[in-house]
Amino acid sequence: MDQLQTYLIVAAILFSLGLFAVMTRRNAVAVLMGIELILNAANINFLAFARFGGMNISGQVFSLFVIVMAAAEAAVALAIVINIFNNFKSINIDEVNQLSR
């Protein structure tokens, strides 16, 4: 039951859900959550290929790098969302078409 295809299917489902969220949501926080799902799908792929592909520790290192990058992305993106809310009183990304009012 512990096969590479299982991990790849789960990662593909997560990636598809994340891509769907990024493409269809208008709320900036929902778009950020979709990006996090896409990054988690990449982590699952890194770890699965590290386990089944014969890589010793490089998959774990790449996965750790993606986790650190996701944390930095979340901090910067949430700061941008707060700034957008302060300027436009909305976090709907369709309404924000310029940098300031």
N, C-alpha and C. Protein backbone atom coordinates (compact mmCIF):
# COMPACT_ATOMS: atom_id res chain seq x y z
N MET A 1 0.82 -1.20 0.00
CA MET A 1 0.00 0.00 0.00
C MET A 1 0.86 1.26 0.00
N ASP A 2 2.09 1.16 0.43
CA ASP A 2 2.99 2.29 0.48
C ASP A 2 3.74 2.38 -0.85
N GLN A 3 3.09 3.01 -1.84
CA GLN A 3 3.66 3.08 -3.18
C GLN A 3 3.82 4.53 -3.60
N LEU A 4 4.68 4.74 -4.58
CA LEU A 4 4.93 6.08 -5.10
C LEU A 4 3.67 6.69 -5.71
N GLN A 5 2.88 5.87 -6.40
CA GLN A 5 1.68 6.37 -7.07
C GLN A 5 0.69 6.99 -6.08
N THR A 6 0.62 6.44 -4.89
CA THR A 6 -0.30 6.98 -3.87
C THR A 6 0.09 8.40 -3.51
N TYR A 7 1.37 8.62 -3.29
CA TYR A 7 1.84 9.96 -2.95
C TYR A 7 1.64 10.92 -4.12
N LEU A 8 1.89 10.45 -5.32
CA LEU A 8 1.74 11.32 -6.48
C LEU A 8 0.29 11.69 -6.72
N ILE A 9 -0.63 10.77 -6.46
CA ILE A 9 -2.06 11.07 -6.61
C ILE A 9 -2.50 12.11 -5.59
N VAL A 10 -2.06 11.95 -4.35
CA VAL A 10 -2.41 12.92 -3.31
C VAL A 10 -1.83 14.30 -3.66
N ALA A 11 -0.59 14.32 -4.13
CA ALA A 11 0.04 15.59 -4.51
C ALA A 11 -0.68 16.21 -5.70
N ALA A 12 -1.10 15.42 -6.65
CA ALA A 12 -1.83 15.95 -7.81
C ALA A 12 -3.18 16.53 -7.40
N ILE A 13 -3.84 15.88 -6.46
CA ILE A 13 -5.12 16.40 -5.97
C ILE A 13 -4.91 17.72 -5.24
N LEU A 14 -3.89 17.79 -4.38
CA LEU A 14 -3.59 19.04 -3.68
C LEU A 14 -3.22 20.15 -4.65
N PHE A 15 -2.40 19.83 -5.64
CA PHE A 15 -2.00 20.82 -6.63
C PHE A 15 -3.22 21.32 -7.41
N SER A 16 -4.10 20.42 -7.80
CA SER A 16 -5.30 20.81 -8.55
C SER A 16 -6.22 21.70 -7.71
N LEU A 17 -6.39 21.35 -6.45
CA LEU A 17 -7.21 22.19 -5.57
C LEU A 17 -6.59 23.57 -5.37
N GLY A 18 -5.29 23.61 -5.21
CA GLY A 18 -4.60 24.89 -5.05
C GLY A 18 -4.69 25.74 -6.30
N LEU A 19 -4.50 25.13 -7.45
CA LEU A 19 -4.61 25.86 -8.71
C LEU A 19 -6.03 26.37 -8.94
N PHE A 20 -7.01 25.56 -8.60
CA PHE A 20 -8.41 25.98 -8.70
C PHE A 20 -8.68 27.18 -7.78
N ALA A 21 -8.14 27.14 -6.56
CA ALA A 21 -8.34 28.24 -5.63
C ALA A 21 -7.68 29.52 -6.11
N VAL A 22 -6.48 29.42 -6.66
CA VAL A 22 -5.79 30.60 -7.15
C VAL A 22 -6.52 31.21 -8.34
N MET A 23 -7.04 30.37 -9.21
CA MET A 23 -7.66 30.88 -10.43
C MET A 23 -9.08 31.39 -10.24
N THR A 24 -9.80 30.90 -9.26
CA THR A 24 -11.21 31.25 -9.15
C THR A 24 -11.55 32.18 -8.00
N ARG A 25 -10.72 32.28 -7.00
CA ARG A 25 -11.06 33.08 -5.83
C ARG A 25 -10.74 34.55 -6.07
N ARG A 26 -11.56 35.39 -5.48
CA ARG A 26 -11.34 36.83 -5.55
C ARG A 26 -10.79 37.37 -4.24
N ASN A 27 -10.91 36.61 -3.18
CA ASN A 27 -10.41 37.02 -1.88
C ASN A 27 -8.91 36.74 -1.83
N ALA A 28 -8.13 37.74 -1.40
CA ALA A 28 -6.67 37.60 -1.39
C ALA A 28 -6.21 36.52 -0.43
N VAL A 29 -6.89 36.35 0.69
CA VAL A 29 -6.50 35.32 1.66
C VAL A 29 -6.75 33.93 1.06
N ALA A 30 -7.83 33.75 0.34
CA ALA A 30 -8.12 32.46 -0.31
C ALA A 30 -7.08 32.15 -1.38
N VAL A 31 -6.61 33.16 -2.09
CA VAL A 31 -5.55 32.96 -3.09
C VAL A 31 -4.27 32.52 -2.40
N LEU A 32 -3.95 33.12 -1.27
CA LEU A 32 -2.76 32.71 -0.52
C LEU A 32 -2.87 31.28 -0.03
N MET A 33 -4.07 30.89 0.38
CA MET A 33 -4.27 29.50 0.81
C MET A 33 -4.08 28.54 -0.36
N GLY A 34 -4.50 28.94 -1.56
CA GLY A 34 -4.28 28.11 -2.74
C GLY A 34 -2.80 27.96 -3.05
N ILE A 35 -2.04 29.04 -2.88
CA ILE A 35 -0.59 28.97 -3.11
C ILE A 35 0.05 28.03 -2.09
N GLU A 36 -0.41 28.06 -0.87
CA GLU A 36 0.12 27.14 0.15
C GLU A 36 -0.18 25.68 -0.21
N LEU A 37 -1.36 25.42 -0.77
CA LEU A 37 -1.67 24.05 -1.20
C LEU A 37 -0.74 23.59 -2.31
N ILE A 38 -0.44 24.49 -3.23
CA ILE A 38 0.48 24.15 -4.32
C ILE A 38 1.87 23.84 -3.77
N LEU A 39 2.33 24.64 -2.81
CA LEU A 39 3.65 24.39 -2.22
C LEU A 39 3.67 23.07 -1.43
N ASN A 40 2.57 22.75 -0.75
CA ASN A 40 2.50 21.47 -0.04
C ASN A 40 2.50 20.29 -1.00
N ALA A 41 1.89 20.44 -2.15
CA ALA A 41 1.94 19.38 -3.16
C ALA A 41 3.38 19.17 -3.64
N ALA A 42 4.11 20.26 -3.81
CA ALA A 42 5.52 20.13 -4.19
C ALA A 42 6.32 19.44 -3.10
N ASN A 43 6.02 19.74 -1.84
CA ASN A 43 6.72 19.07 -0.73
C ASN A 43 6.46 17.57 -0.74
N ILE A 44 5.23 17.18 -0.97
CA ILE A 44 4.91 15.75 -1.01
C ILE A 44 5.67 15.07 -2.14
N ASN A 45 5.77 15.73 -3.28
CA ASN A 45 6.52 15.15 -4.39
C ASN A 45 8.01 15.02 -4.05
N PHE A 46 8.58 16.06 -3.45
CA PHE A 46 9.99 15.99 -3.06
C PHE A 46 10.25 14.83 -2.12
N LEU A 47 9.41 14.69 -1.12
CA LEU A 47 9.62 13.63 -0.13
C LEU A 47 9.36 12.25 -0.71
N ALA A 48 8.35 12.14 -1.58
CA ALA A 48 8.07 10.84 -2.19
C ALA A 48 9.20 10.39 -3.10
N PHE A 49 9.71 11.31 -3.91
CA PHE A 49 10.81 10.94 -4.79
C PHE A 49 12.10 10.71 -4.01
N ALA A 50 12.26 11.39 -2.88
CA ALA A 50 13.44 11.12 -2.06
C ALA A 50 13.38 9.72 -1.47
N ARG A 51 12.18 9.30 -1.11
CA ARG A 51 12.05 7.96 -0.50
C ARG A 51 12.13 6.85 -1.53
N PHE A 52 11.41 7.02 -2.63
CA PHE A 52 11.32 5.93 -3.61
C PHE A 52 12.34 6.07 -4.74
N GLY A 53 12.93 7.24 -4.91
CA GLY A 53 13.85 7.45 -6.02
C GLY A 53 15.30 7.21 -5.69
N GLY A 54 15.59 6.94 -4.44
CA GLY A 54 16.96 6.64 -4.08
C GLY A 54 17.78 7.83 -3.62
N MET A 55 17.20 9.04 -3.62
CA MET A 55 17.94 10.19 -3.11
C MET A 55 18.06 10.04 -1.60
N ASN A 56 19.21 10.33 -1.07
CA ASN A 56 19.41 10.12 0.36
C ASN A 56 18.71 11.18 1.20
N ILE A 57 19.17 12.40 1.13
CA ILE A 57 18.61 13.43 1.98
C ILE A 57 18.22 14.67 1.19
N SER A 58 18.48 14.68 -0.10
CA SER A 58 18.24 15.89 -0.89
C SER A 58 16.75 16.24 -0.97
N GLY A 59 15.88 15.26 -0.97
CA GLY A 59 14.44 15.54 -0.98
C GLY A 59 14.00 16.24 0.28
N GLN A 60 14.54 15.82 1.42
CA GLN A 60 14.20 16.46 2.68
C GLN A 60 14.75 17.89 2.74
N VAL A 61 15.93 18.10 2.18
CA VAL A 61 16.52 19.44 2.16
C VAL A 61 15.68 20.36 1.29
N PHE A 62 15.27 19.90 0.11
CA PHE A 62 14.42 20.72 -0.75
C PHE A 62 13.08 21.00 -0.08
N SER A 63 12.54 20.02 0.60
CA SER A 63 11.27 20.20 1.29
C SER A 63 11.39 21.23 2.41
N LEU A 64 12.46 21.17 3.15
CA LEU A 64 12.71 22.16 4.19
C LEU A 64 12.86 23.55 3.60
N PHE A 65 13.53 23.66 2.47
CA PHE A 65 13.67 24.94 1.79
C PHE A 65 12.31 25.48 1.36
N VAL A 66 11.43 24.62 0.86
CA VAL A 66 10.09 25.06 0.44
C VAL A 66 9.28 25.51 1.65
N ILE A 67 9.42 24.84 2.79
CA ILE A 67 8.69 25.24 3.99
C ILE A 67 9.16 26.61 4.46
N VAL A 68 10.47 26.86 4.45
CA VAL A 68 11.00 28.16 4.84
C VAL A 68 10.52 29.24 3.87
N MET A 69 10.55 28.92 2.58
CA MET A 69 10.09 29.88 1.58
C MET A 69 8.59 30.17 1.75
N ALA A 70 7.80 29.16 2.08
CA ALA A 70 6.36 29.36 2.28
C ALA A 70 6.10 30.24 3.50
N ALA A 71 6.88 30.08 4.54
CA ALA A 71 6.71 30.92 5.73
C ALA A 71 7.04 32.38 5.41
N ALA A 72 8.11 32.60 4.68
CA ALA A 72 8.47 33.96 4.29
C ALA A 72 7.42 34.55 3.35
N GLU A 73 6.93 33.74 2.43
CA GLU A 73 5.89 34.20 1.49
C GLU A 73 4.62 34.56 2.24
N ALA A 74 4.26 33.78 3.23
CA ALA A 74 3.04 34.07 4.00
C ALA A 74 3.19 35.37 4.78
N ALA A 75 4.34 35.60 5.36
CA ALA A 75 4.55 36.83 6.13
C ALA A 75 4.49 38.06 5.23
N VAL A 76 5.18 38.02 4.10
CA VAL A 76 5.18 39.16 3.19
C VAL A 76 3.79 39.36 2.57
N ALA A 77 3.15 38.27 2.17
CA ALA A 77 1.85 38.38 1.52
C ALA A 77 0.78 38.89 2.48
N LEU A 78 0.81 38.44 3.73
CA LEU A 78 -0.16 38.94 4.69
C LEU A 78 0.07 40.42 5.00
N ALA A 79 1.32 40.86 5.01
CA ALA A 79 1.59 42.29 5.18
C ALA A 79 1.03 43.09 4.00
N ILE A 80 1.16 42.56 2.81
CA ILE A 80 0.60 43.23 1.63
C ILE A 80 -0.92 43.25 1.70
N VAL A 81 -1.53 42.16 2.13
CA VAL A 81 -3.00 42.11 2.25
C VAL A 81 -3.49 43.12 3.29
N ILE A 82 -2.79 43.24 4.41
CA ILE A 82 -3.19 44.22 5.43
C ILE A 82 -3.06 45.63 4.88
N ASN A 83 -2.01 45.91 4.13
CA ASN A 83 -1.84 47.22 3.52
C ASN A 83 -2.94 47.50 2.49
N ILE A 84 -3.29 46.51 1.71
CA ILE A 84 -4.39 46.66 0.74
C ILE A 84 -5.70 46.95 1.46
N PHE A 85 -5.95 46.24 2.56
CA PHE A 85 -7.18 46.47 3.31
C PHE A 85 -7.21 47.88 3.91
N ASN A 86 -6.06 48.34 4.41
CA ASN A 86 -6.01 49.69 4.97
C ASN A 86 -6.26 50.76 3.92
N ASN A 87 -5.80 50.54 2.69
CA ASN A 87 -5.98 51.54 1.63
C ASN A 87 -7.32 51.45 0.93
N PHE A 88 -7.84 50.25 0.71
CA PHE A 88 -9.03 50.07 -0.11
C PHE A 88 -10.26 49.60 0.67
N LYS A 89 -10.09 49.24 1.93
CA LYS A 89 -11.18 48.73 2.78
C LYS A 89 -11.82 47.47 2.20
N SER A 90 -11.05 46.71 1.45
CA SER A 90 -11.50 45.45 0.87
C SER A 90 -10.27 44.61 0.54
N ILE A 91 -10.44 43.29 0.60
CA ILE A 91 -9.34 42.42 0.16
C ILE A 91 -9.71 41.65 -1.10
N ASN A 92 -10.72 42.16 -1.80
CA ASN A 92 -11.12 41.59 -3.08
C ASN A 92 -10.09 42.02 -4.13
N ILE A 93 -9.40 41.07 -4.73
CA ILE A 93 -8.31 41.42 -5.64
C ILE A 93 -8.80 41.98 -6.96
N ASP A 94 -10.08 41.82 -7.29
CA ASP A 94 -10.60 42.42 -8.51
C ASP A 94 -10.80 43.92 -8.35
N GLU A 95 -11.02 44.38 -7.14
CA GLU A 95 -11.24 45.80 -6.90
C GLU A 95 -9.93 46.58 -6.79
N VAL A 96 -8.85 45.89 -6.57
CA VAL A 96 -7.56 46.54 -6.39
C VAL A 96 -6.83 46.50 -7.73
N ASN A 97 -6.93 47.60 -8.48
CA ASN A 97 -6.29 47.62 -9.80
C ASN A 97 -5.22 48.70 -9.90
N GLN A 98 -4.92 49.34 -8.79
CA GLN A 98 -3.85 50.33 -8.75
C GLN A 98 -3.16 50.26 -7.40
N LEU A 99 -2.01 50.89 -7.28
CA LEU A 99 -1.25 50.78 -6.05
C LEU A 99 -1.81 51.61 -4.91
N SER A 100 -2.41 52.75 -5.22
CA SER A 100 -2.99 53.58 -4.17
C SER A 100 -4.16 54.37 -4.75
N ARG A 101 -4.93 54.93 -3.86
CA ARG A 101 -6.06 55.76 -4.29
C ARG A 101 -5.72 57.20 -4.25
